[in-house]
N, C-alpha and C. Protein backbone atom coordinates (compact mmCIF):
# COMPACT_ATOMS: atom_id res chain seq x y z
N UNK A 1 -19.00 -2.62 24.65
CA UNK A 1 -18.93 -1.32 23.88
C UNK A 1 -20.52 -0.65 24.03
N UNK A 2 -20.65 0.52 24.36
CA UNK A 2 -22.00 1.07 24.75
C UNK A 2 -22.63 1.56 23.30
N UNK A 3 -24.23 1.27 23.57
CA UNK A 3 -24.99 1.17 22.29
C UNK A 3 -24.83 2.54 21.37
N UNK A 4 -24.68 3.74 22.04
CA UNK A 4 -24.45 4.96 21.26
C UNK A 4 -23.23 5.05 20.60
N UNK A 5 -22.12 3.95 20.95
CA UNK A 5 -20.98 4.11 20.15
C UNK A 5 -21.15 2.93 18.91
N UNK A 6 -22.28 2.37 18.50
CA UNK A 6 -22.49 1.53 17.74
C UNK A 6 -23.01 2.01 16.37
N UNK A 7 -22.91 1.37 15.05
CA UNK A 7 -23.61 1.46 14.08
C UNK A 7 -24.44 0.62 13.66
N UNK A 8 -25.81 0.83 13.65
CA UNK A 8 -26.70 -0.45 14.01
C UNK A 8 -27.64 -0.40 12.72
N UNK A 9 -27.74 0.69 12.15
CA UNK A 9 -29.05 0.66 10.99
C UNK A 9 -28.26 0.52 9.72
N UNK A 10 -28.94 -0.28 8.88
CA UNK A 10 -28.38 -0.89 7.43
C UNK A 10 -28.09 0.12 6.39
N UNK A 11 -29.15 1.26 6.68
CA UNK A 11 -28.70 2.73 5.69
C UNK A 11 -27.31 3.39 5.99
N UNK A 12 -27.28 3.22 7.55
CA UNK A 12 -26.02 3.94 8.12
C UNK A 12 -24.96 3.14 7.49
N UNK A 13 -24.77 1.97 7.81
CA UNK A 13 -23.78 0.76 7.06
C UNK A 13 -23.47 1.34 5.52
N UNK A 14 -24.72 1.37 4.88
CA UNK A 14 -24.43 1.84 3.43
C UNK A 14 -23.90 3.03 2.92
N UNK A 15 -24.39 3.96 4.07
CA UNK A 15 -23.85 5.43 4.00
C UNK A 15 -22.45 5.44 3.99
N UNK A 16 -21.57 4.87 5.10
CA UNK A 16 -20.65 4.70 5.32
C UNK A 16 -19.47 4.07 4.19
N UNK A 17 -20.23 2.80 4.04
CA UNK A 17 -19.37 1.98 2.88
C UNK A 17 -19.54 2.72 1.50
N UNK A 18 -20.50 3.50 1.34
CA UNK A 18 -20.63 3.95 -0.39
C UNK A 18 -19.57 5.46 -0.03
N UNK A 19 -19.05 5.85 0.95
CA UNK A 19 -18.21 6.83 0.73
C UNK A 19 -16.98 6.63 0.30
N UNK A 20 -16.98 5.35 0.36
CA UNK A 20 -15.54 4.79 -0.50
C UNK A 20 -14.23 5.35 0.07
N UNK A 21 -13.80 5.64 1.45
CA UNK A 21 -12.95 5.76 2.03
C UNK A 21 -12.84 4.52 2.96
N UNK A 22 -11.35 4.24 2.57
CA UNK A 22 -11.09 2.62 3.25
C UNK A 22 -9.54 2.58 3.25
N UNK A 23 -9.27 1.59 4.35
CA UNK A 23 -7.97 0.94 4.43
C UNK A 23 -8.21 -0.42 4.98
N UNK A 24 -7.54 -1.32 4.48
CA UNK A 24 -7.50 -2.55 4.72
C UNK A 24 -6.21 -3.10 4.73
N UNK A 25 -6.28 -4.65 5.48
CA UNK A 25 -5.12 -5.68 5.49
C UNK A 25 -5.50 -6.92 5.38
N UNK A 26 -4.85 -7.70 5.69
CA UNK A 26 -5.27 -9.28 5.48
C UNK A 26 -6.46 -9.53 6.52
N UNK A 27 -6.66 -8.84 7.62
CA UNK A 27 -7.64 -9.28 8.46
C UNK A 27 -8.92 -8.35 8.59
N UNK A 28 -8.81 -7.20 8.17
CA UNK A 28 -9.97 -6.10 8.05
C UNK A 28 -9.73 -5.31 7.03
N UNK A 29 -11.15 -4.73 6.53
CA UNK A 29 -11.42 -3.90 6.05
C UNK A 29 -12.10 -2.75 6.55
N UNK A 30 -11.69 -1.39 6.89
CA UNK A 30 -12.34 -0.58 7.45
C UNK A 30 -12.68 0.42 6.91
N UNK A 31 -13.98 0.98 6.93
CA UNK A 31 -14.61 1.94 5.90
C UNK A 31 -14.79 2.91 6.99
N UNK A 32 -14.18 4.20 6.56
CA UNK A 32 -14.73 5.63 7.45
C UNK A 32 -15.70 6.43 6.84
N UNK A 33 -16.26 7.23 7.79
CA UNK A 33 -16.71 8.62 7.28
C UNK A 33 -17.09 9.59 8.35
N UNK A 34 -17.02 10.89 7.82
CA UNK A 34 -17.37 11.86 9.05
C UNK A 34 -18.42 11.47 9.78
N UNK A 35 -18.92 11.86 10.81
CA UNK A 35 -20.47 12.17 11.66
C UNK A 35 -20.24 13.52 12.44
N UNK A 36 -21.56 13.69 12.48
CA UNK A 36 -22.09 14.98 13.13
C UNK A 36 -21.86 14.92 14.66
N UNK A 37 -21.80 13.63 15.27
CA UNK A 37 -21.98 13.72 16.84
C UNK A 37 -20.26 13.95 17.40
N UNK A 38 -20.84 13.84 18.94
CA UNK A 38 -19.34 14.22 19.47
C UNK A 38 -18.71 12.85 19.83
N UNK A 39 -18.91 11.91 19.22
CA UNK A 39 -18.03 10.62 19.57
C UNK A 39 -17.91 9.55 18.24
N UNK A 40 -17.11 8.78 18.40
CA UNK A 40 -16.94 7.86 17.05
C UNK A 40 -18.05 6.74 17.25
N UNK A 41 -18.37 6.06 16.05
CA UNK A 41 -19.24 5.11 15.91
C UNK A 41 -18.55 3.91 15.47
N UNK A 42 -18.86 2.50 15.74
CA UNK A 42 -18.41 1.66 14.98
C UNK A 42 -19.49 0.38 14.54
N UNK A 43 -19.32 0.01 13.48
CA UNK A 43 -20.16 -0.99 13.14
C UNK A 43 -19.32 -2.67 12.66
N UNK A 44 -19.66 -3.52 13.17
CA UNK A 44 -19.10 -4.80 12.75
C UNK A 44 -19.65 -5.45 11.71
N UNK A 45 -18.98 -6.09 10.94
CA UNK A 45 -19.58 -7.01 9.78
C UNK A 45 -18.67 -8.24 9.79
N UNK A 46 -19.58 -9.51 9.99
CA UNK A 46 -18.73 -10.86 9.70
C UNK A 46 -19.31 -11.41 8.58
N UNK A 47 -18.78 -11.72 7.42
CA UNK A 47 -19.60 -12.54 6.19
C UNK A 47 -19.52 -13.71 6.61
N UNK A 48 -20.42 -14.78 6.17
CA UNK A 48 -20.77 -16.17 6.35
C UNK A 48 -19.71 -16.98 5.95
N UNK A 49 -18.58 -16.30 5.01
CA UNK A 49 -17.56 -17.15 4.60
C UNK A 49 -16.87 -17.46 5.85
N UNK A 50 -16.54 -16.72 6.81
CA UNK A 50 -15.90 -17.11 7.83
C UNK A 50 -16.29 -18.30 8.91
N UNK A 51 -17.47 -18.72 8.49
CA UNK A 51 -18.01 -20.12 9.43
C UNK A 51 -19.44 -19.67 9.92
N UNK A 52 -19.86 -20.81 10.77
CA UNK A 52 -21.20 -21.00 11.24
C UNK A 52 -21.39 -19.72 12.18
N UNK A 53 -22.75 -19.55 12.43
CA UNK A 53 -23.04 -18.32 13.27
C UNK A 53 -22.39 -18.42 14.47
N UNK A 54 -21.91 -19.60 15.10
CA UNK A 54 -21.41 -19.58 16.83
C UNK A 54 -19.87 -18.53 16.52
N UNK A 55 -19.34 -19.24 15.42
CA UNK A 55 -17.79 -18.38 15.31
C UNK A 55 -18.08 -16.95 14.65
N UNK A 56 -19.12 -16.53 14.07
CA UNK A 56 -19.29 -15.17 13.64
C UNK A 56 -19.37 -14.42 14.86
N UNK A 57 -20.54 -14.43 15.44
CA UNK A 57 -20.60 -14.07 17.05
C UNK A 57 -19.61 -13.67 17.86
N UNK A 58 -18.68 -15.02 17.80
CA UNK A 58 -17.50 -14.74 18.88
C UNK A 58 -16.48 -13.84 18.08
N UNK A 59 -16.42 -14.14 16.98
CA UNK A 59 -15.36 -13.15 16.17
C UNK A 59 -15.81 -11.50 16.63
N UNK A 60 -17.23 -11.35 16.38
CA UNK A 60 -17.76 -9.67 16.57
C UNK A 60 -17.55 -9.47 17.95
N UNK A 61 -17.69 -10.40 19.12
CA UNK A 61 -17.27 -10.02 20.42
C UNK A 61 -16.24 -9.66 20.74
N UNK A 62 -15.09 -10.14 19.84
CA UNK A 62 -13.62 -10.15 19.96
C UNK A 62 -13.31 -8.98 19.10
N UNK A 63 -13.97 -8.42 18.34
CA UNK A 63 -13.53 -7.32 17.52
C UNK A 63 -14.14 -6.17 18.57
N UNK A 64 -15.43 -6.24 19.12
CA UNK A 64 -15.74 -5.17 19.88
C UNK A 64 -14.93 -4.88 21.06
N UNK A 65 -14.30 -6.20 21.65
CA UNK A 65 -13.19 -6.04 22.95
C UNK A 65 -11.98 -5.18 22.53
N UNK A 66 -11.63 -5.61 21.04
CA UNK A 66 -10.36 -4.88 20.73
C UNK A 66 -11.11 -3.02 20.42
N UNK A 67 -11.94 -2.91 20.15
CA UNK A 67 -12.19 -1.51 19.89
C UNK A 67 -12.55 -0.83 21.29
N UNK A 68 -12.95 -1.46 22.07
CA UNK A 68 -13.00 -1.02 23.52
C UNK A 68 -11.66 -0.62 24.16
N UNK A 69 -10.45 -1.51 23.89
CA UNK A 69 -9.45 -1.49 24.15
C UNK A 69 -8.78 0.11 23.22
N UNK A 70 -8.90 0.00 22.30
CA UNK A 70 -8.49 1.16 21.50
C UNK A 70 -9.34 2.31 21.89
N UNK A 71 -10.22 2.36 22.00
CA UNK A 71 -10.99 3.52 22.60
C UNK A 71 -10.68 4.24 24.19
N UNK A 72 -10.23 3.00 24.79
CA UNK A 72 -9.59 3.52 26.08
C UNK A 72 -8.36 4.14 25.84
N UNK A 73 -7.36 3.81 24.96
CA UNK A 73 -6.29 4.37 24.71
C UNK A 73 -6.53 5.80 24.52
N UNK A 74 -7.68 6.29 23.66
CA UNK A 74 -7.80 7.86 23.24
C UNK A 74 -7.18 8.15 22.26
N UNK A 75 -7.05 9.15 21.76
CA UNK A 75 -6.64 10.23 20.26
C UNK A 75 -7.24 9.35 19.58
N UNK A 76 -8.64 9.30 19.20
CA UNK A 76 -9.13 8.35 18.33
C UNK A 76 -10.26 9.53 17.57
N UNK A 77 -9.88 9.60 16.01
CA UNK A 77 -11.07 10.57 15.50
C UNK A 77 -12.27 10.66 15.43
N UNK A 78 -13.03 11.28 15.67
CA UNK A 78 -14.55 11.09 15.61
C UNK A 78 -15.17 10.99 14.30
N UNK A 79 -15.44 9.70 13.86
CA UNK A 79 -15.87 9.24 12.62
C UNK A 79 -16.85 8.25 12.86
N UNK A 80 -17.29 7.84 11.69
CA UNK A 80 -18.20 6.57 11.50
C UNK A 80 -17.39 5.44 10.95
N UNK A 81 -16.99 4.47 11.62
CA UNK A 81 -16.21 3.32 11.25
C UNK A 81 -17.33 1.98 10.96
N UNK A 82 -16.91 1.37 9.71
CA UNK A 82 -17.42 -0.04 9.65
C UNK A 82 -16.29 -1.09 9.41
N UNK A 83 -16.32 -1.93 10.37
CA UNK A 83 -15.15 -2.94 10.24
C UNK A 83 -15.67 -4.15 9.46
N UNK A 84 -15.09 -4.53 8.60
CA UNK A 84 -15.28 -5.89 8.11
C UNK A 84 -14.57 -7.02 8.17
N UNK A 85 -14.48 -7.76 8.92
CA UNK A 85 -13.51 -9.00 9.10
C UNK A 85 -13.38 -9.73 7.91
N UNK A 86 -12.20 -10.07 7.48
CA UNK A 86 -11.72 -11.01 6.28
C UNK A 86 -11.50 -12.28 7.20
N UNK A 87 -11.14 -13.08 6.52
CA UNK A 87 -10.89 -14.52 6.30
C UNK A 87 -9.61 -15.09 7.37
N UNK A 88 -8.78 -13.85 6.83
CA UNK A 88 -7.12 -14.13 7.47
C UNK A 88 -7.56 -13.73 9.04
N UNK A 89 -8.37 -13.12 9.54
CA UNK A 89 -8.51 -13.19 11.01
C UNK A 89 -8.44 -14.45 11.72
N UNK A 90 -9.33 -15.37 11.24
CA UNK A 90 -9.45 -16.79 12.02
C UNK A 90 -7.92 -17.38 12.08
N UNK A 91 -6.83 -17.13 11.07
CA UNK A 91 -5.91 -17.78 11.30
C UNK A 91 -4.76 -17.19 12.20
N UNK A 92 -4.91 -16.08 12.71
CA UNK A 92 -4.25 -15.16 13.52
C UNK A 92 -4.58 -15.52 14.98
N UNK A 93 -4.03 -14.92 16.15
CA UNK A 93 -4.45 -14.91 17.48
C UNK A 93 -4.91 -13.34 17.77
N UNK A 94 -5.61 -13.34 19.13
CA UNK A 94 -6.19 -11.99 19.29
C UNK A 94 -5.31 -10.87 19.34
N UNK A 95 -4.07 -11.13 19.88
CA UNK A 95 -3.24 -9.93 20.16
C UNK A 95 -2.74 -9.27 18.60
N UNK A 96 -2.19 -10.56 17.70
CA UNK A 96 -1.79 -10.08 16.40
C UNK A 96 -3.00 -9.27 15.53
N UNK A 97 -4.38 -9.89 15.50
CA UNK A 97 -5.25 -9.19 14.87
C UNK A 97 -5.62 -7.87 15.81
N UNK A 98 -5.48 -7.39 16.89
CA UNK A 98 -5.36 -6.21 17.55
C UNK A 98 -4.68 -5.23 17.04
N UNK A 99 -3.29 -5.62 17.04
CA UNK A 99 -2.28 -4.74 16.45
C UNK A 99 -2.71 -4.57 15.18
N UNK A 100 -3.21 -5.48 14.32
CA UNK A 100 -3.44 -4.96 12.66
C UNK A 100 -4.60 -4.07 12.75
N UNK A 101 -5.66 -4.21 13.89
CA UNK A 101 -6.52 -3.12 13.61
C UNK A 101 -6.40 -1.92 14.37
N UNK A 102 -5.57 -2.00 15.30
CA UNK A 102 -4.95 -0.46 15.96
C UNK A 102 -4.16 0.05 14.66
N UNK A 103 -3.57 -0.80 14.08
CA UNK A 103 -2.64 0.24 13.09
C UNK A 103 -3.38 0.75 12.02
N UNK A 104 -4.77 0.14 11.38
CA UNK A 104 -5.48 0.75 10.32
C UNK A 104 -6.30 1.82 11.05
N UNK A 105 -6.54 1.88 12.06
CA UNK A 105 -7.47 3.22 12.69
C UNK A 105 -6.57 4.18 13.15
N UNK A 106 -5.45 3.85 13.57
CA UNK A 106 -4.13 5.16 13.57
C UNK A 106 -3.84 5.48 12.09
N UNK A 107 -3.98 4.71 11.09
CA UNK A 107 -3.62 5.17 9.50
C UNK A 107 -4.93 6.10 9.15
N UNK A 108 -5.80 5.74 9.59
CA UNK A 108 -7.07 6.68 8.99
C UNK A 108 -7.32 7.69 9.99
N UNK A 109 -6.83 7.93 11.22
CA UNK A 109 -6.45 9.02 12.13
C UNK A 109 -5.66 9.86 11.42
N UNK A 110 -4.60 9.29 10.93
CA UNK A 110 -3.56 10.22 10.43
C UNK A 110 -3.98 10.94 9.15
N UNK A 111 -4.62 10.05 8.15
CA UNK A 111 -5.57 10.69 6.74
C UNK A 111 -6.40 11.93 7.33
N UNK A 112 -7.25 11.34 8.38
CA UNK A 112 -8.41 12.38 8.50
C UNK A 112 -7.82 14.17 9.05
N UNK A 113 -6.58 13.38 9.86
CA UNK A 113 -5.70 14.93 10.22
C UNK A 113 -4.99 15.97 8.98
N UNK A 114 -4.45 15.13 8.21
CA UNK A 114 -4.10 15.50 6.93
C UNK A 114 -5.20 16.31 5.97
N UNK A 115 -6.50 15.93 5.92
CA UNK A 115 -7.31 16.38 5.50
C UNK A 115 -8.00 17.69 5.98
N UNK A 116 -7.81 17.82 7.55
CA UNK A 116 -8.21 18.84 8.29
C UNK A 116 -7.46 20.10 7.84
N UNK A 117 -6.08 19.64 7.67
CA UNK A 117 -5.32 20.88 7.62
C UNK A 117 -5.04 21.32 6.17
């Protein structure tokens, strides 16, 4: 994922989370907020409860790959997203997790469309 598509600063994470707009399932919690840019941005957080650092880095790499695939599919709303990975992520395989993340992002896109109209 390109660097311009990432949310990196702590204050940006806090701003998005404090907007309190979120969707969740057993593997992910996705917070979202509008942005003033011409592209969406993503931040990924993996809590220490998930395991050792090596496992958390692997999970972040997998989630970035999922986001890249979702971005290539197109029709994504221009928002800031913070994806927090839950413990259920570890018990499922990559394909199942990607389906769950895609479903959440599509659900968020649908809500954003409703609010615009």
